[in-house]
Amino acid sequence: MRASRSPTIVDDTGAATKRWLENWKRVGPVLDAERWRRLGAMRTGQRASMTLDLLSLWQPDRPGDDADALIRVQRAFALWRKKHI
């Protein structure tokens, strides 16, 4: 049997979620710009090394590794190319 949550807890959780979302609407673009700034400041060799390190983490033989992370990395690089090339 599940215990019901009191209205106060639900209200507090909803308010906290709303604050969290509002914070990320503001902070997310700032962090994204910083990530792109740092990537742009790297030398080509550094970017290549980091890419190889990241791609080496993919382990197709492990259960649950369906290459989703690899696809997300490829999308990130495609976005970078659109912005910088």
PDB file of N, CA and C in Angstrom:
ATOM      1  N   MET A   1       0.839  -1.163   0.000  1.00  0.00           N
ATOM      2  CA  MET A   1       0.000   0.000   0.000  1.00  0.00           C
ATOM      3  C   MET A   1       0.894   1.240   0.000  1.00  0.00           C
ATOM      4  N   ARG A   2       0.596   2.178  -0.886  1.00  0.00           N
ATOM      5  CA  ARG A   2       1.401   3.399  -0.980  1.00  0.00           C
ATOM      6  C   ARG A   2       0.899   4.441  -0.011  1.00  0.00           C
ATOM      7  N   ALA A   3       1.828   5.110   0.594  1.00  0.00           N
ATOM      8  CA  ALA A   3       1.449   6.210   1.485  1.00  0.00           C
ATOM      9  C   ALA A   3       1.146   7.427   0.629  1.00  0.00           C
ATOM     10  N   SER A   4       0.089   8.117   0.953  1.00  0.00           N
ATOM     11  CA  SER A   4      -0.243   9.319   0.186  1.00  0.00           C
ATOM     12  C   SER A   4       0.615  10.474   0.686  1.00  0.00           C
ATOM     13  N   ARG A   5       0.923  11.352  -0.223  1.00  0.00           N
ATOM     14  CA  ARG A   5       1.736  12.510   0.124  1.00  0.00           C
ATOM     15  C   ARG A   5       0.815  13.641   0.540  1.00  0.00           C
ATOM     16  N   SER A   6       1.232  14.354   1.525  1.00  0.00           N
ATOM     17  CA  SER A   6       0.399  15.458   1.998  1.00  0.00           C
ATOM     18  C   SER A   6       0.404  16.582   0.963  1.00  0.00           C
ATOM     19  N   PRO A   7      -0.653  17.380   0.902  1.00  0.00           N
ATOM     20  CA  PRO A   7      -0.691  18.503  -0.041  1.00  0.00           C
ATOM     21  C   PRO A   7       0.469  19.470   0.146  1.00  0.00           C
ATOM     22  N   THR A   8       0.935  19.645   1.374  1.00  0.00           N
ATOM     23  CA  THR A   8       2.046  20.559   1.639  1.00  0.00           C
ATOM     24  C   THR A   8       3.320  20.068   0.964  1.00  0.00           C
ATOM     25  N   ILE A   9       3.591  18.775   1.065  1.00  0.00           N
ATOM     26  CA  ILE A   9       4.788  18.211   0.436  1.00  0.00           C
ATOM     27  C   ILE A   9       4.685  18.347  -1.078  1.00  0.00           C
ATOM     28  N   VAL A  10       3.528  18.047  -1.643  1.00  0.00           N
ATOM     29  CA  VAL A  10       3.334  18.161  -3.089  1.00  0.00           C
ATOM     30  C   VAL A  10       3.516  19.612  -3.525  1.00  0.00           C
ATOM     31  N   ASP A  11       2.933  20.552  -2.777  1.00  0.00           N
ATOM     32  CA  ASP A  11       3.075  21.967  -3.110  1.00  0.00           C
ATOM     33  C   ASP A  11       4.535  22.405  -3.038  1.00  0.00           C
ATOM     34  N   ASP A  12       5.240  21.979  -1.984  1.00  0.00           N
ATOM     35  CA  ASP A  12       6.653  22.331  -1.830  1.00  0.00           C
ATOM     36  C   ASP A  12       7.484  21.757  -2.966  1.00  0.00           C
ATOM     37  N   THR A  13       7.187  20.523  -3.342  1.00  0.00           N
ATOM     38  CA  THR A  13       7.931  19.886  -4.431  1.00  0.00           C
ATOM     39  C   THR A  13       7.675  20.608  -5.743  1.00  0.00           C
ATOM     40  N   GLY A  14       6.422  20.968  -5.988  1.00  0.00           N
ATOM     41  CA  GLY A  14       6.091  21.700  -7.211  1.00  0.00           C
ATOM     42  C   GLY A  14       6.773  23.050  -7.261  1.00  0.00           C
ATOM     43  N   ALA A  15       6.790  23.751  -6.138  1.00  0.00           N
ATOM     44  CA  ALA A  15       7.452  25.061  -6.080  1.00  0.00           C
ATOM     45  C   ALA A  15       8.951  24.917  -6.288  1.00  0.00           C
ATOM     46  N   ALA A  16       9.537  23.893  -5.680  1.00  0.00           N
ATOM     47  CA  ALA A  16      10.977  23.665  -5.835  1.00  0.00           C
ATOM     48  C   ALA A  16      11.307  23.318  -7.286  1.00  0.00           C
ATOM     49  N   THR A  17      10.473  22.519  -7.914  1.00  0.00           N
ATOM     50  CA  THR A  17      10.688  22.162  -9.317  1.00  0.00           C
ATOM     51  C   THR A  17      10.597  23.401 -10.196  1.00  0.00           C
ATOM     52  N   LYS A  18       9.610  24.234  -9.927  1.00  0.00           N
ATOM     53  CA  LYS A  18       9.453  25.463 -10.704  1.00  0.00           C
ATOM     54  C   LYS A  18      10.676  26.370 -10.539  1.00  0.00           C
ATOM     55  N   ARG A  19      11.184  26.511  -9.311  1.00  0.00           N
ATOM     56  CA  ARG A  19      12.388  27.324  -9.075  1.00  0.00           C
ATOM     57  C   ARG A  19      13.588  26.742  -9.819  1.00  0.00           C
ATOM     58  N   TRP A  20      13.709  25.419  -9.783  1.00  0.00           N
ATOM     59  CA  TRP A  20      14.826  24.756 -10.462  1.00  0.00           C
ATOM     60  C   TRP A  20      14.767  25.025 -11.963  1.00  0.00           C
ATOM     61  N   LEU A  21      13.579  24.882 -12.546  1.00  0.00           N
ATOM     62  CA  LEU A  21      13.427  25.124 -13.980  1.00  0.00           C
ATOM     63  C   LEU A  21      13.717  26.569 -14.344  1.00  0.00           C
ATOM     64  N   GLU A  22      13.223  27.501 -13.557  1.00  0.00           N
ATOM     65  CA  GLU A  22      13.482  28.917 -13.811  1.00  0.00           C
ATOM     66  C   GLU A  22      14.976  29.217 -13.718  1.00  0.00           C
ATOM     67  N   ASN A  23      15.640  28.602 -12.755  1.00  0.00           N
ATOM     68  CA  ASN A  23      17.085  28.800 -12.612  1.00  0.00           C
ATOM     69  C   ASN A  23      17.814  28.296 -13.849  1.00  0.00           C
ATOM     70  N   TRP A  24      17.458  27.108 -14.347  1.00  0.00           N
ATOM     71  CA  TRP A  24      18.140  26.553 -15.514  1.00  0.00           C
ATOM     72  C   TRP A  24      17.823  27.302 -16.796  1.00  0.00           C
ATOM     73  N   LYS A  25      16.669  27.927 -16.882  1.00  0.00           N
ATOM     74  CA  LYS A  25      16.385  28.777 -18.045  1.00  0.00           C
ATOM     75  C   LYS A  25      17.369  29.931 -18.102  1.00  0.00           C
ATOM     76  N   ARG A  26      17.776  30.407 -16.940  1.00  0.00           N
ATOM     77  CA  ARG A  26      18.714  31.527 -16.860  1.00  0.00           C
ATOM     78  C   ARG A  26      20.162  31.054 -16.969  1.00  0.00           C
ATOM     79  N   VAL A  27      20.505  29.999 -16.231  1.00  0.00           N
ATOM     80  CA  VAL A  27      21.896  29.562 -16.122  1.00  0.00           C
ATOM     81  C   VAL A  27      22.325  28.672 -17.297  1.00  0.00           C
ATOM     82  N   GLY A  28      21.407  27.897 -17.837  1.00  0.00           N
ATOM     83  CA  GLY A  28      21.742  26.978 -18.916  1.00  0.00           C
ATOM     84  C   GLY A  28      22.452  27.643 -20.090  1.00  0.00           C
ATOM     85  N   PRO A  29      21.898  28.737 -20.650  1.00  0.00           N
ATOM     86  CA  PRO A  29      22.578  29.396 -21.762  1.00  0.00           C
ATOM     87  C   PRO A  29      23.956  29.944 -21.389  1.00  0.00           C
ATOM     88  N   VAL A  30      24.119  30.396 -20.145  1.00  0.00           N
ATOM     89  CA  VAL A  30      25.424  30.901 -19.695  1.00  0.00           C
ATOM     90  C   VAL A  30      26.444  29.762 -19.683  1.00  0.00           C
ATOM     91  N   LEU A  31      26.039  28.611 -19.151  1.00  0.00           N
ATOM     92  CA  LEU A  31      26.945  27.457 -19.116  1.00  0.00           C
ATOM     93  C   LEU A  31      27.247  26.948 -20.522  1.00  0.00           C
ATOM     94  N   ASP A  32      26.240  26.946 -21.389  1.00  0.00           N
ATOM     95  CA  ASP A  32      26.446  26.508 -22.768  1.00  0.00           C
ATOM     96  C   ASP A  32      27.452  27.415 -23.474  1.00  0.00           C
ATOM     97  N   ALA A  33      27.309  28.723 -23.283  1.00  0.00           N
ATOM     98  CA  ALA A  33      28.258  29.663 -23.889  1.00  0.00           C
ATOM     99  C   ALA A  33      29.668  29.435 -23.358  1.00  0.00           C
ATOM    100  N   GLU A  34      29.782  29.151 -22.067  1.00  0.00           N
ATOM    101  CA  GLU A  34      31.111  28.885 -21.483  1.00  0.00           C
ATOM    102  C   GLU A  34      31.716  27.614 -22.063  1.00  0.00           C
ATOM    103  N   ARG A  35      30.907  26.575 -22.217  1.00  0.00           N
ATOM    104  CA  ARG A  35      31.418  25.328 -22.818  1.00  0.00           C
ATOM    105  C   ARG A  35      31.956  25.592 -24.218  1.00  0.00           C
ATOM    106  N   TRP A  36      31.185  26.335 -25.038  1.00  0.00           N
ATOM    107  CA  TRP A  36      31.620  26.626 -26.402  1.00  0.00           C
ATOM    108  C   TRP A  36      32.866  27.503 -26.400  1.00  0.00           C
ATOM    109  N   ARG A  37      32.949  28.454 -25.458  1.00  0.00           N
ATOM    110  CA  ARG A  37      34.134  29.306 -25.369  1.00  0.00           C
ATOM    111  C   ARG A  37      35.375  28.469 -25.072  1.00  0.00           C
ATOM    112  N   ARG A  38      35.240  27.555 -24.121  1.00  0.00           N
ATOM    113  CA  ARG A  38      36.382  26.704 -23.759  1.00  0.00           C
ATOM    114  C   ARG A  38      36.772  25.789 -24.911  1.00  0.00           C
ATOM    115  N   LEU A  39      35.787  25.247 -25.607  1.00  0.00           N
ATOM    116  CA  LEU A  39      36.080  24.384 -26.756  1.00  0.00           C
ATOM    117  C   LEU A  39      36.795  25.180 -27.834  1.00  0.00           C
ATOM    118  N   GLY A  40      36.318  26.385 -28.090  1.00  0.00           N
ATOM    119  CA  GLY A  40      36.949  27.230 -29.106  1.00  0.00           C
ATOM    120  C   GLY A  40      38.364  27.642 -28.748  1.00  0.00           C
ATOM    121  N   ALA A  41      38.667  27.719 -27.454  1.00  0.00           N
ATOM    122  CA  ALA A  41      40.007  28.120 -27.006  1.00  0.00           C
ATOM    123  C   ALA A  41      41.014  26.976 -27.082  1.00  0.00           C
ATOM    124  N   MET A  42      40.530  25.758 -27.253  1.00  0.00           N
ATOM    125  CA  MET A  42      41.446  24.608 -27.309  1.00  0.00           C
ATOM    126  C   MET A  42      42.136  24.530 -28.665  1.00  0.00           C
ATOM    127  N   ARG A  43      43.340  23.990 -28.638  1.00  0.00           N
ATOM    128  CA  ARG A  43      44.034  23.701 -29.888  1.00  0.00           C
ATOM    129  C   ARG A  43      43.379  22.488 -30.542  1.00  0.00           C
ATOM    130  N   THR A  44      43.554  22.351 -31.819  1.00  0.00           N
ATOM    131  CA  THR A  44      42.966  21.238 -32.565  1.00  0.00           C
ATOM    132  C   THR A  44      43.398  19.902 -31.985  1.00  0.00           C
ATOM    133  N   GLY A  45      44.656  19.789 -31.608  1.00  0.00           N
ATOM    134  CA  GLY A  45      45.160  18.531 -31.041  1.00  0.00           C
ATOM    135  C   GLY A  45      44.475  18.183 -29.723  1.00  0.00           C
ATOM    136  N   GLN A  46      44.208  19.203 -28.915  1.00  0.00           N
ATOM    137  CA  GLN A  46      43.505  18.961 -27.657  1.00  0.00           C
ATOM    138  C   GLN A  46      42.085  18.455 -27.917  1.00  0.00           C
ATOM    139  N   ARG A  47      41.399  19.106 -28.864  1.00  0.00           N
ATOM    140  CA  ARG A  47      40.038  18.668 -29.184  1.00  0.00           C
ATOM    141  C   ARG A  47      40.037  17.250 -29.721  1.00  0.00           C
ATOM    142  N   ALA A  48      40.995  16.932 -30.580  1.00  0.00           N
ATOM    143  CA  ALA A  48      41.069  15.595 -31.151  1.00  0.00           C
ATOM    144  C   ALA A  48      41.326  14.558 -30.059  1.00  0.00           C
ATOM    145  N   SER A  49      42.235  14.869 -29.145  1.00  0.00           N
ATOM    146  CA  SER A  49      42.548  13.947 -28.055  1.00  0.00           C
ATOM    147  C   SER A  49      41.332  13.712 -27.165  1.00  0.00           C
ATOM    148  N   MET A  50      40.630  14.791 -26.828  1.00  0.00           N
ATOM    149  CA  MET A  50      39.440  14.651 -25.990  1.00  0.00           C
ATOM    150  C   MET A  50      38.355  13.848 -26.709  1.00  0.00           C
ATOM    151  N   THR A  51      38.224  14.052 -28.007  1.00  0.00           N
ATOM    152  CA  THR A  51      37.228  13.308 -28.784  1.00  0.00           C
ATOM    153  C   THR A  51      37.551  11.821 -28.762  1.00  0.00           C
ATOM    154  N   LEU A  52      38.801  11.485 -28.979  1.00  0.00           N
ATOM    155  CA  LEU A  52      39.197  10.071 -28.961  1.00  0.00           C
ATOM    156  C   LEU A  52      38.983   9.461 -27.586  1.00  0.00           C
ATOM    157  N   ASP A  53      39.302  10.211 -26.535  1.00  0.00           N
ATOM    158  CA  ASP A  53      39.067   9.725 -25.171  1.00  0.00           C
ATOM    159  C   ASP A  53      37.582   9.459 -24.944  1.00  0.00           C
ATOM    160  N   LEU A  54      36.757  10.381 -25.390  1.00  0.00           N
ATOM    161  CA  LEU A  54      35.318  10.231 -25.215  1.00  0.00           C
ATOM    162  C   LEU A  54      34.780   9.039 -26.005  1.00  0.00           C
ATOM    163  N   LEU A  55      35.197   8.932 -27.246  1.00  0.00           N
ATOM    164  CA  LEU A  55      34.711   7.828 -28.074  1.00  0.00           C
ATOM    165  C   LEU A  55      35.200   6.467 -27.579  1.00  0.00           C
ATOM    166  N   SER A  56      36.329   6.458 -26.886  1.00  0.00           N
ATOM    167  CA  SER A  56      36.857   5.186 -26.374  1.00  0.00           C
ATOM    168  C   SER A  56      36.002   4.638 -25.232  1.00  0.00           C
ATOM    169  N   LEU A  57      35.133   5.472 -24.670  1.00  0.00           N
ATOM    170  CA  LEU A  57      34.266   5.022 -23.578  1.00  0.00           C
ATOM    171  C   LEU A  57      33.125   4.131 -24.068  1.00  0.00           C
ATOM    172  N   TRP A  58      32.805   4.204 -25.349  1.00  0.00           N
ATOM    173  CA  TRP A  58      31.710   3.401 -25.885  1.00  0.00           C
ATOM    174  C   TRP A  58      32.086   1.930 -25.827  1.00  0.00           C
ATOM    175  N   GLN A  59      31.244   1.147 -25.216  1.00  0.00           N
ATOM    176  CA  GLN A  59      31.505  -0.284 -25.067  1.00  0.00           C
ATOM    177  C   GLN A  59      30.292  -1.054 -25.580  1.00  0.00           C
ATOM    178  N   PRO A  60      30.262  -1.342 -26.865  1.00  0.00           N
ATOM    179  CA  PRO A  60      29.066  -1.966 -27.449  1.00  0.00           C
ATOM    180  C   PRO A  60      28.751  -3.347 -26.890  1.00  0.00           C
ATOM    181  N   ASP A  61      29.725  -4.003 -26.272  1.00  0.00           N
ATOM    182  CA  ASP A  61      29.474  -5.345 -25.734  1.00  0.00           C
ATOM    183  C   ASP A  61      28.771  -5.303 -24.384  1.00  0.00           C
ATOM    184  N   ARG A  62      28.720  -4.130 -23.762  1.00  0.00           N
ATOM    185  CA  ARG A  62      28.079  -4.024 -22.448  1.00  0.00           C
ATOM    186  C   ARG A  62      26.577  -3.875 -22.606  1.00  0.00           C
ATOM    187  N   PRO A  63      25.823  -4.599 -21.811  1.00  0.00           N
ATOM    188  CA  PRO A  63      24.373  -4.441 -21.860  1.00  0.00           C
ATOM    189  C   PRO A  63      23.981  -3.000 -21.547  1.00  0.00           C
ATOM    190  N   GLY A  64      23.063  -2.483 -22.335  1.00  0.00           N
ATOM    191  CA  GLY A  64      22.586  -1.134 -22.102  1.00  0.00           C
ATOM    192  C   GLY A  64      23.351  -0.065 -22.846  1.00  0.00           C
ATOM    193  N   ASP A  65      24.479  -0.405 -23.470  1.00  0.00           N
ATOM    194  CA  ASP A  65      25.242   0.581 -24.231  1.00  0.00           C
ATOM    195  C   ASP A  65      24.800   0.488 -25.684  1.00  0.00           C
ATOM    196  N   ASP A  66      23.797   1.257 -26.023  1.00  0.00           N
ATOM    197  CA  ASP A  66      23.236   1.179 -27.371  1.00  0.00           C
ATOM    198  C   ASP A  66      23.736   2.306 -28.271  1.00  0.00           C
ATOM    199  N   ALA A  67      24.837   2.904 -27.918  1.00  0.00           N
ATOM    200  CA  ALA A  67      25.492   3.959 -28.684  1.00  0.00           C
ATOM    201  C   ALA A  67      24.757   5.282 -28.596  1.00  0.00           C
ATOM    202  N   ASP A  68      23.792   5.411 -27.699  1.00  0.00           N
ATOM    203  CA  ASP A  68      23.064   6.667 -27.562  1.00  0.00           C
ATOM    204  C   ASP A  68      24.013   7.822 -27.244  1.00  0.00           C
ATOM    205  N   ALA A  69      24.966   7.581 -26.381  1.00  0.00           N
ATOM    206  CA  ALA A  69      25.922   8.632 -26.026  1.00  0.00           C
ATOM    207  C   ALA A  69      26.752   9.035 -27.244  1.00  0.00           C
ATOM    208  N   LEU A  70      27.142   8.070 -28.044  1.00  0.00           N
ATOM    209  CA  LEU A  70      27.921   8.355 -29.249  1.00  0.00           C
ATOM    210  C   LEU A  70      27.110   9.226 -30.209  1.00  0.00           C
ATOM    211  N   ILE A  71      25.846   8.930 -30.336  1.00  0.00           N
ATOM    212  CA  ILE A  71      24.981   9.725 -31.209  1.00  0.00           C
ATOM    213  C   ILE A  71      24.873  11.152 -30.687  1.00  0.00           C
ATOM    214  N   ARG A  72      24.744  11.322 -29.373  1.00  0.00           N
ATOM    215  CA  ARG A  72      24.670  12.668 -28.802  1.00  0.00           C
ATOM    216  C   ARG A  72      25.965  13.441 -29.043  1.00  0.00           C
ATOM    217  N   VAL A  73      27.094  12.769 -28.950  1.00  0.00           N
ATOM    218  CA  VAL A  73      28.375  13.424 -29.208  1.00  0.00           C
ATOM    219  C   VAL A  73      28.434  13.871 -30.666  1.00  0.00           C
ATOM    220  N   GLN A  74      27.995  13.020 -31.569  1.00  0.00           N
ATOM    221  CA  GLN A  74      28.005  13.378 -32.987  1.00  0.00           C
ATOM    222  C   GLN A  74      27.117  14.594 -33.241  1.00  0.00           C
ATOM    223  N   ARG A  75      25.965  14.659 -32.591  1.00  0.00           N
ATOM    224  CA  ARG A  75      25.083  15.822 -32.740  1.00  0.00           C
ATOM    225  C   ARG A  75      25.746  17.082 -32.205  1.00  0.00           C
ATOM    226  N   ALA A  76      26.457  16.958 -31.083  1.00  0.00           N
ATOM    227  CA  ALA A  76      27.147  18.118 -30.508  1.00  0.00           C
ATOM    228  C   ALA A  76      28.206  18.643 -31.473  1.00  0.00           C
ATOM    229  N   PHE A  77      28.963  17.750 -32.086  1.00  0.00           N
ATOM    230  CA  PHE A  77      29.972  18.188 -33.042  1.00  0.00           C
ATOM    231  C   PHE A  77      29.335  18.809 -34.271  1.00  0.00           C
ATOM    232  N   ALA A  78      28.206  18.283 -34.711  1.00  0.00           N
ATOM    233  CA  ALA A  78      27.507  18.871 -35.857  1.00  0.00           C
ATOM    234  C   ALA A  78      27.064  20.296 -35.539  1.00  0.00           C
ATOM    235  N   LEU A  79      26.546  20.509 -34.331  1.00  0.00           N
ATOM    236  CA  LEU A  79      26.154  21.859 -33.926  1.00  0.00           C
ATOM    237  C   LEU A  79      27.359  22.780 -33.886  1.00  0.00           C
ATOM    238  N   TRP A  80      28.463  22.279 -33.372  1.00  0.00           N
ATOM    239  CA  TRP A  80      29.678  23.087 -33.296  1.00  0.00           C
ATOM    240  C   TRP A  80      30.115  23.507 -34.698  1.00  0.00           C
ATOM    241  N   ARG A  81      30.099  22.547 -35.623  1.00  0.00           N
ATOM    242  CA  ARG A  81      30.494  22.872 -37.008  1.00  0.00           C
ATOM    243  C   ARG A  81      29.611  23.956 -37.588  1.00  0.00           C
ATOM    244  N   LYS A  82      28.295  23.878 -37.350  1.00  0.00           N
ATOM    245  CA  LYS A  82      27.386  24.891 -37.880  1.00  0.00           C
ATOM    246  C   LYS A  82      27.703  26.272 -37.323  1.00  0.00           C
ATOM    247  N   LYS A  83      28.106  26.341 -36.064  1.00  0.00           N
ATOM    248  CA  LYS A  83      28.395  27.619 -35.430  1.00  0.00           C
ATOM    249  C   LYS A  83      29.762  28.179 -35.828  1.00  0.00           C
ATOM    250  N   HIS A  84      30.732  27.313 -36.104  1.00  0.00           N
ATOM    251  CA  HIS A  84      32.123  27.760 -36.219  1.00  0.00           C
ATOM    252  C   HIS A  84      32.766  27.542 -37.574  1.00  0.00           C
ATOM    253  N   ILE A  85      32.105  26.897 -38.473  1.00  0.00           N
ATOM    254  CA  ILE A  85      32.745  26.649 -39.789  1.00  0.00           C
ATOM    255  C   ILE A  85      31.909  27.284 -40.869  1.00  0.00           C
TER     256      ILE A  85
END
